Amino acid sequence: MASLLGRMTADDQKPIVPTDWLFAIRKGFSSRALDSFGQNINATDAELAKMLGLSVRTLARRRRMLILTPNESDRLYRLARVVVRAGDVFDHRANGLVWLRSPNAALGGLTPMSMLDTDIGTEIVKDLLGRIEYGVFS
């Protein structure tokens, strides 16, 4: 996770245990985490904004402010967690990203990535990844 998000806090401390993540999210990730995530998944600003439920202008404003809100940090953490999970299921982050960006019949033709803007969509995608991992027909 830390490699996907890069430096998440202003003091450059990387979370080690779950409570570190909790405190980092509550404090608000550095906008560098957003940039690192975008680069690591090769996403445009428009795609990042959509995944985070923001406008492109708000995204630019967060970069100027150098910090995300706790809510935005939580969303970014949720997105990164799914990207890591998809990479684990498909044996490589690049393969996981291809799957996340491809229309999926089990999701009614939607791409898994398009569902990650809500908690319920994220849970549906994570459930589908679990079924794929264990060979359950999806």
N, C-alpha and C. Protein backbone atom coordinates (compact mmCIF):
# COMPACT_ATOMS: atom_id res chain seq x y z
N MET A 1 0.82 -1.20 0.00
CA MET A 1 0.00 0.00 0.00
C MET A 1 0.86 1.26 0.00
N ALA A 2 1.86 1.27 0.87
CA ALA A 2 2.70 2.46 0.97
C ALA A 2 3.42 2.73 -0.34
N SER A 3 3.80 1.68 -1.07
CA SER A 3 4.49 1.90 -2.34
C SER A 3 3.54 2.49 -3.38
N LEU A 4 2.28 2.18 -3.29
CA LEU A 4 1.29 2.71 -4.23
C LEU A 4 0.98 4.17 -3.93
N LEU A 5 0.92 4.53 -2.66
CA LEU A 5 0.56 5.88 -2.26
C LEU A 5 1.76 6.79 -2.04
N GLY A 6 2.95 6.22 -1.94
CA GLY A 6 4.14 7.05 -1.72
C GLY A 6 4.12 7.71 -0.37
N ARG A 7 4.58 8.95 -0.33
CA ARG A 7 4.62 9.69 0.93
C ARG A 7 3.24 10.27 1.22
N MET A 8 2.59 9.75 2.25
CA MET A 8 1.22 10.13 2.52
C MET A 8 1.06 11.29 3.47
N THR A 9 2.07 11.55 4.27
CA THR A 9 1.95 12.60 5.27
C THR A 9 3.05 13.63 5.08
N ALA A 10 2.85 14.79 5.63
CA ALA A 10 3.83 15.86 5.49
C ALA A 10 5.17 15.49 6.12
N ASP A 11 5.15 14.66 7.16
CA ASP A 11 6.39 14.28 7.82
C ASP A 11 7.02 13.02 7.20
N ASP A 12 6.44 12.54 6.09
CA ASP A 12 6.98 11.41 5.33
C ASP A 12 7.03 10.09 6.08
N GLN A 13 6.27 9.96 7.17
CA GLN A 13 6.26 8.69 7.88
C GLN A 13 5.33 7.73 7.15
N LYS A 14 5.80 6.50 6.98
CA LYS A 14 4.98 5.49 6.32
C LYS A 14 4.26 4.67 7.39
N PRO A 15 2.95 4.49 7.23
CA PRO A 15 2.21 3.67 8.19
C PRO A 15 2.74 2.24 8.22
N ILE A 16 2.81 1.70 9.42
CA ILE A 16 3.31 0.34 9.59
C ILE A 16 2.21 -0.58 10.09
N VAL A 17 1.46 -0.14 11.06
CA VAL A 17 0.37 -0.93 11.63
C VAL A 17 -0.95 -0.25 11.28
N PRO A 18 -2.07 -0.99 11.37
CA PRO A 18 -3.36 -0.41 10.98
C PRO A 18 -3.69 0.92 11.67
N THR A 19 -3.32 1.07 12.93
CA THR A 19 -3.64 2.34 13.59
C THR A 19 -2.85 3.50 12.99
N ASP A 20 -1.67 3.23 12.43
CA ASP A 20 -0.93 4.28 11.73
C ASP A 20 -1.74 4.79 10.54
N TRP A 21 -2.36 3.85 9.81
CA TRP A 21 -3.21 4.23 8.68
C TRP A 21 -4.38 5.07 9.17
N LEU A 22 -4.98 4.65 10.25
CA LEU A 22 -6.12 5.38 10.82
C LEU A 22 -5.74 6.82 11.12
N PHE A 23 -4.63 7.01 11.81
CA PHE A 23 -4.21 8.37 12.17
C PHE A 23 -3.82 9.18 10.94
N ALA A 24 -3.18 8.55 9.96
CA ALA A 24 -2.81 9.26 8.73
C ALA A 24 -4.05 9.71 7.96
N ILE A 25 -5.07 8.86 7.91
CA ILE A 25 -6.32 9.20 7.23
C ILE A 25 -7.01 10.35 7.97
N ARG A 26 -7.10 10.24 9.28
CA ARG A 26 -7.75 11.30 10.07
C ARG A 26 -7.03 12.64 9.94
N LYS A 27 -5.72 12.60 9.81
CA LYS A 27 -4.92 13.82 9.66
C LYS A 27 -5.07 14.38 8.25
N GLY A 28 -5.26 13.50 7.29
CA GLY A 28 -5.36 13.88 5.88
C GLY A 28 -4.06 13.57 5.17
N PHE A 29 -4.14 12.78 4.10
CA PHE A 29 -2.96 12.45 3.33
C PHE A 29 -2.41 13.70 2.65
N SER A 30 -1.14 13.71 2.44
CA SER A 30 -0.50 14.73 1.63
C SER A 30 -1.00 14.58 0.19
N SER A 31 -1.06 15.68 -0.52
CA SER A 31 -1.48 15.59 -1.93
C SER A 31 -0.48 14.79 -2.75
N ARG A 32 0.73 14.59 -2.22
CA ARG A 32 1.72 13.76 -2.91
C ARG A 32 1.23 12.32 -3.00
N ALA A 33 0.44 11.87 -2.03
CA ALA A 33 -0.12 10.51 -2.08
C ALA A 33 -1.05 10.38 -3.28
N LEU A 34 -1.83 11.41 -3.53
CA LEU A 34 -2.73 11.43 -4.67
C LEU A 34 -1.94 11.37 -5.98
N ASP A 35 -0.88 12.16 -6.06
CA ASP A 35 -0.04 12.16 -7.26
C ASP A 35 0.63 10.81 -7.47
N SER A 36 1.14 10.23 -6.39
CA SER A 36 1.79 8.93 -6.48
C SER A 36 0.80 7.86 -6.94
N PHE A 37 -0.38 7.86 -6.36
CA PHE A 37 -1.41 6.90 -6.74
C PHE A 37 -1.75 7.06 -8.22
N GLY A 38 -1.97 8.29 -8.65
CA GLY A 38 -2.31 8.55 -10.05
C GLY A 38 -1.23 8.07 -11.00
N GLN A 39 0.02 8.31 -10.65
CA GLN A 39 1.12 7.85 -11.49
C GLN A 39 1.22 6.33 -11.50
N ASN A 40 1.04 5.71 -10.34
CA ASN A 40 1.17 4.26 -10.24
C ASN A 40 0.07 3.50 -10.97
N ILE A 41 -1.09 4.12 -11.13
CA ILE A 41 -2.15 3.43 -11.87
C ILE A 41 -2.36 4.06 -13.24
N ASN A 42 -1.52 5.05 -13.58
CA ASN A 42 -1.61 5.71 -14.88
C ASN A 42 -3.00 6.30 -15.12
N ALA A 43 -3.47 7.08 -14.15
CA ALA A 43 -4.80 7.69 -14.24
C ALA A 43 -4.67 9.18 -14.54
N THR A 44 -5.61 9.69 -15.30
CA THR A 44 -5.68 11.12 -15.57
C THR A 44 -6.30 11.83 -14.38
N ASP A 45 -6.18 13.15 -14.35
CA ASP A 45 -6.82 13.91 -13.27
C ASP A 45 -8.33 13.72 -13.29
N ALA A 46 -8.91 13.64 -14.47
CA ALA A 46 -10.36 13.44 -14.58
C ALA A 46 -10.76 12.09 -13.97
N GLU A 47 -9.97 11.05 -14.24
CA GLU A 47 -10.26 9.73 -13.67
C GLU A 47 -10.09 9.74 -12.15
N LEU A 48 -9.01 10.36 -11.67
CA LEU A 48 -8.80 10.45 -10.22
C LEU A 48 -9.94 11.20 -9.55
N ALA A 49 -10.33 12.32 -10.14
CA ALA A 49 -11.42 13.11 -9.56
C ALA A 49 -12.70 12.29 -9.47
N LYS A 50 -13.02 11.57 -10.54
CA LYS A 50 -14.24 10.75 -10.55
C LYS A 50 -14.18 9.67 -9.48
N MET A 51 -13.03 8.99 -9.36
CA MET A 51 -12.89 7.93 -8.37
C MET A 51 -13.03 8.46 -6.94
N LEU A 52 -12.60 9.69 -6.73
CA LEU A 52 -12.66 10.29 -5.40
C LEU A 52 -13.95 11.07 -5.15
N GLY A 53 -14.79 11.16 -6.17
CA GLY A 53 -16.04 11.89 -6.03
C GLY A 53 -15.83 13.39 -5.95
N LEU A 54 -14.82 13.89 -6.66
CA LEU A 54 -14.48 15.31 -6.67
C LEU A 54 -14.57 15.86 -8.08
N SER A 55 -14.62 17.17 -8.18
CA SER A 55 -14.47 17.80 -9.49
C SER A 55 -12.98 17.96 -9.77
N VAL A 56 -12.63 18.14 -11.02
CA VAL A 56 -11.23 18.34 -11.38
C VAL A 56 -10.70 19.62 -10.72
N ARG A 57 -11.55 20.64 -10.62
CA ARG A 57 -11.14 21.89 -9.97
C ARG A 57 -10.85 21.68 -8.48
N THR A 58 -11.67 20.88 -7.81
CA THR A 58 -11.42 20.60 -6.39
C THR A 58 -10.14 19.81 -6.24
N LEU A 59 -9.89 18.89 -7.14
CA LEU A 59 -8.65 18.12 -7.12
C LEU A 59 -7.44 19.06 -7.24
N ALA A 60 -7.52 20.01 -8.15
CA ALA A 60 -6.43 20.98 -8.32
C ALA A 60 -6.27 21.83 -7.06
N ARG A 61 -7.38 22.19 -6.43
CA ARG A 61 -7.32 22.97 -5.20
C ARG A 61 -6.65 22.18 -4.07
N ARG A 62 -6.93 20.88 -3.98
CA ARG A 62 -6.30 20.04 -2.96
C ARG A 62 -4.79 19.99 -3.18
N ARG A 63 -4.38 19.95 -4.42
CA ARG A 63 -2.94 19.95 -4.71
C ARG A 63 -2.29 21.26 -4.26
N ARG A 64 -2.99 22.36 -4.48
CA ARG A 64 -2.44 23.66 -4.04
C ARG A 64 -2.40 23.75 -2.52
N MET A 65 -3.39 23.14 -1.86
CA MET A 65 -3.44 23.16 -0.39
C MET A 65 -2.45 22.15 0.22
N LEU A 66 -1.99 21.22 -0.62
CA LEU A 66 -1.01 20.19 -0.25
C LEU A 66 -1.55 19.12 0.69
N ILE A 67 -2.85 19.09 0.92
CA ILE A 67 -3.40 18.07 1.82
C ILE A 67 -4.83 17.71 1.40
N LEU A 68 -5.17 16.45 1.61
CA LEU A 68 -6.53 15.98 1.35
C LEU A 68 -7.31 16.02 2.66
N THR A 69 -8.62 16.10 2.55
CA THR A 69 -9.44 16.02 3.75
C THR A 69 -9.41 14.57 4.26
N PRO A 70 -9.80 14.35 5.51
CA PRO A 70 -9.87 12.96 6.00
C PRO A 70 -10.79 12.09 5.15
N ASN A 71 -11.92 12.62 4.70
CA ASN A 71 -12.84 11.86 3.87
C ASN A 71 -12.20 11.48 2.53
N GLU A 72 -11.51 12.42 1.91
CA GLU A 72 -10.83 12.15 0.64
C GLU A 72 -9.69 11.16 0.85
N SER A 73 -8.99 11.29 1.96
CA SER A 73 -7.90 10.35 2.29
C SER A 73 -8.45 8.94 2.46
N ASP A 74 -9.60 8.83 3.11
CA ASP A 74 -10.24 7.52 3.29
C ASP A 74 -10.63 6.92 1.96
N ARG A 75 -11.17 7.73 1.07
CA ARG A 75 -11.52 7.23 -0.28
C ARG A 75 -10.28 6.78 -1.04
N LEU A 76 -9.22 7.56 -0.95
CA LEU A 76 -7.97 7.20 -1.64
C LEU A 76 -7.42 5.90 -1.08
N TYR A 77 -7.47 5.73 0.22
CA TYR A 77 -7.02 4.48 0.85
C TYR A 77 -7.86 3.30 0.35
N ARG A 78 -9.18 3.49 0.26
CA ARG A 78 -10.08 2.44 -0.23
C ARG A 78 -9.73 2.06 -1.67
N LEU A 79 -9.47 3.06 -2.50
CA LEU A 79 -9.09 2.79 -3.90
C LEU A 79 -7.79 2.01 -3.96
N ALA A 80 -6.81 2.45 -3.20
CA ALA A 80 -5.51 1.78 -3.21
C ALA A 80 -5.63 0.34 -2.73
N ARG A 81 -6.46 0.12 -1.72
CA ARG A 81 -6.65 -1.23 -1.21
C ARG A 81 -7.21 -2.16 -2.29
N VAL A 82 -8.14 -1.67 -3.08
CA VAL A 82 -8.72 -2.49 -4.16
C VAL A 82 -7.70 -2.74 -5.26
N VAL A 83 -6.90 -1.73 -5.60
CA VAL A 83 -5.87 -1.92 -6.62
C VAL A 83 -4.86 -2.98 -6.17
N VAL A 84 -4.46 -2.91 -4.91
CA VAL A 84 -3.53 -3.91 -4.36
C VAL A 84 -4.17 -5.29 -4.40
N ARG A 85 -5.43 -5.39 -4.00
CA ARG A 85 -6.14 -6.68 -3.99
C ARG A 85 -6.25 -7.26 -5.40
N ALA A 86 -6.60 -6.42 -6.36
CA ALA A 86 -6.70 -6.89 -7.75
C ALA A 86 -5.34 -7.37 -8.24
N GLY A 87 -4.29 -6.65 -7.90
CA GLY A 87 -2.94 -7.08 -8.27
C GLY A 87 -2.57 -8.42 -7.66
N ASP A 88 -2.99 -8.65 -6.42
CA ASP A 88 -2.74 -9.94 -5.76
C ASP A 88 -3.50 -11.07 -6.44
N VAL A 89 -4.75 -10.83 -6.76
CA VAL A 89 -5.58 -11.87 -7.39
C VAL A 89 -5.06 -12.21 -8.79
N PHE A 90 -4.61 -11.21 -9.53
CA PHE A 90 -4.14 -11.43 -10.90
C PHE A 90 -2.62 -11.48 -11.02
N ASP A 91 -1.94 -11.67 -9.89
CA ASP A 91 -0.50 -11.90 -9.82
C ASP A 91 0.40 -10.73 -10.20
N HIS A 92 -0.15 -9.58 -10.52
CA HIS A 92 0.67 -8.41 -10.83
C HIS A 92 -0.25 -7.19 -10.89
N ARG A 93 0.26 -6.06 -10.42
CA ARG A 93 -0.56 -4.85 -10.41
C ARG A 93 -1.07 -4.50 -11.81
N ALA A 94 -0.22 -4.62 -12.82
CA ALA A 94 -0.63 -4.28 -14.19
C ALA A 94 -1.80 -5.14 -14.65
N ASN A 95 -1.77 -6.44 -14.32
CA ASN A 95 -2.88 -7.33 -14.68
C ASN A 95 -4.15 -6.94 -13.94
N GLY A 96 -3.99 -6.60 -12.67
CA GLY A 96 -5.14 -6.16 -11.88
C GLY A 96 -5.76 -4.89 -12.44
N LEU A 97 -4.92 -3.96 -12.88
CA LEU A 97 -5.43 -2.71 -13.46
C LEU A 97 -6.16 -2.96 -14.77
N VAL A 98 -5.66 -3.89 -15.58
CA VAL A 98 -6.37 -4.23 -16.82
C VAL A 98 -7.76 -4.75 -16.48
N TRP A 99 -7.85 -5.63 -15.47
CA TRP A 99 -9.15 -6.17 -15.07
C TRP A 99 -10.05 -5.05 -14.53
N LEU A 100 -9.50 -4.18 -13.71
CA LEU A 100 -10.30 -3.10 -13.13
C LEU A 100 -10.87 -2.15 -14.19
N ARG A 101 -10.17 -2.02 -15.31
CA ARG A 101 -10.59 -1.09 -16.36
C ARG A 101 -11.39 -1.76 -17.48
N SER A 102 -11.60 -3.06 -17.38
CA SER A 102 -12.31 -3.79 -18.44
C SER A 102 -13.77 -4.01 -18.06
N PRO A 103 -14.69 -3.86 -19.04
CA PRO A 103 -16.09 -4.16 -18.76
C PRO A 103 -16.23 -5.59 -18.27
N ASN A 104 -17.14 -5.79 -17.32
CA ASN A 104 -17.28 -7.09 -16.69
C ASN A 104 -18.74 -7.52 -16.73
N ALA A 105 -18.99 -8.69 -17.30
CA ALA A 105 -20.36 -9.20 -17.42
C ALA A 105 -21.03 -9.37 -16.07
N ALA A 106 -20.27 -9.79 -15.06
CA ALA A 106 -20.84 -9.98 -13.72
C ALA A 106 -21.28 -8.66 -13.09
N LEU A 107 -20.81 -7.56 -13.65
CA LEU A 107 -21.18 -6.23 -13.15
C LEU A 107 -22.10 -5.51 -14.13
N GLY A 108 -22.76 -6.28 -14.96
CA GLY A 108 -23.69 -5.70 -15.93
C GLY A 108 -23.00 -4.89 -17.01
N GLY A 109 -21.75 -5.25 -17.31
CA GLY A 109 -21.01 -4.56 -18.35
C GLY A 109 -20.25 -3.34 -17.87
N LEU A 110 -20.38 -3.00 -16.60
CA LEU A 110 -19.63 -1.88 -16.04
C LEU A 110 -18.19 -2.31 -15.78
N THR A 111 -17.29 -1.34 -15.73
CA THR A 111 -15.92 -1.66 -15.34
C THR A 111 -15.86 -1.64 -13.81
N PRO A 112 -15.08 -2.53 -13.21
CA PRO A 112 -14.94 -2.49 -11.75
C PRO A 112 -14.46 -1.12 -11.26
N MET A 113 -13.57 -0.48 -12.01
CA MET A 113 -13.04 0.83 -11.60
C MET A 113 -14.15 1.86 -11.47
N SER A 114 -15.16 1.77 -12.33
CA SER A 114 -16.24 2.76 -12.31
C SER A 114 -17.13 2.61 -11.07
N MET A 115 -17.00 1.51 -10.35
CA MET A 115 -17.83 1.27 -9.18
C MET A 115 -17.15 1.67 -7.88
N LEU A 116 -15.88 2.06 -7.95
CA LEU A 116 -15.12 2.31 -6.74
C LEU A 116 -15.36 3.67 -6.11
N ASP A 117 -16.30 4.45 -6.65
CA ASP A 117 -16.58 5.76 -6.08
C ASP A 117 -17.55 5.69 -4.89
N THR A 118 -18.08 4.50 -4.62
CA THR A 118 -18.97 4.34 -3.47
C THR A 118 -18.52 3.13 -2.65
N ASP A 119 -18.90 3.11 -1.40
CA ASP A 119 -18.54 2.01 -0.53
C ASP A 119 -19.20 0.71 -1.00
N ILE A 120 -20.48 0.76 -1.37
CA ILE A 120 -21.17 -0.46 -1.81
C ILE A 120 -20.57 -0.98 -3.11
N GLY A 121 -20.20 -0.08 -4.02
CA GLY A 121 -19.55 -0.51 -5.26
C GLY A 121 -18.22 -1.17 -4.98
N THR A 122 -17.48 -0.62 -4.04
CA THR A 122 -16.19 -1.20 -3.65
C THR A 122 -16.39 -2.59 -3.07
N GLU A 123 -17.40 -2.76 -2.23
CA GLU A 123 -17.67 -4.08 -1.65
C GLU A 123 -18.05 -5.10 -2.72
N ILE A 124 -18.82 -4.67 -3.72
CA ILE A 124 -19.20 -5.56 -4.82
C ILE A 124 -17.96 -6.01 -5.58
N VAL A 125 -17.06 -5.08 -5.86
CA VAL A 125 -15.82 -5.40 -6.59
C VAL A 125 -14.94 -6.33 -5.75
N LYS A 126 -14.81 -6.04 -4.47
CA LYS A 126 -14.00 -6.91 -3.60
C LYS A 126 -14.60 -8.31 -3.51
N ASP A 127 -15.91 -8.41 -3.46
CA ASP A 127 -16.57 -9.72 -3.44
C ASP A 127 -16.29 -10.47 -4.73
N LEU A 128 -16.37 -9.78 -5.86
CA LEU A 128 -16.09 -10.40 -7.15
C LEU A 128 -14.63 -10.88 -7.22
N LEU A 129 -13.71 -10.08 -6.71
CA LEU A 129 -12.30 -10.50 -6.67
C LEU A 129 -12.13 -11.76 -5.82
N GLY A 130 -12.84 -11.83 -4.71
CA GLY A 130 -12.78 -13.02 -3.87
C GLY A 130 -13.30 -14.25 -4.59
N ARG A 131 -14.39 -14.09 -5.34
CA ARG A 131 -14.95 -15.22 -6.09
C ARG A 131 -13.98 -15.67 -7.18
N ILE A 132 -13.34 -14.72 -7.84
CA ILE A 132 -12.35 -15.06 -8.87
C ILE A 132 -11.17 -15.81 -8.24
N GLU A 133 -10.71 -15.31 -7.12
CA GLU A 133 -9.57 -15.92 -6.44
C GLU A 133 -9.84 -17.37 -6.06
N TYR A 134 -11.07 -17.65 -5.66
CA TYR A 134 -11.39 -19.02 -5.22
C TYR A 134 -12.08 -19.85 -6.29
N GLY A 135 -12.09 -19.34 -7.53
CA GLY A 135 -12.59 -20.12 -8.66
C GLY A 135 -14.10 -20.27 -8.72
N VAL A 136 -14.83 -19.39 -8.03
CA VAL A 136 -16.29 -19.43 -8.08
C VAL A 136 -16.72 -18.75 -9.36
N PHE A 137 -17.66 -19.34 -10.07
CA PHE A 137 -18.14 -18.76 -11.32
C PHE A 137 -18.65 -17.35 -11.08
N SER A 138 -18.15 -16.41 -11.87
CA SER A 138 -18.56 -15.01 -11.72
C SER A 138 -19.15 -14.48 -13.00
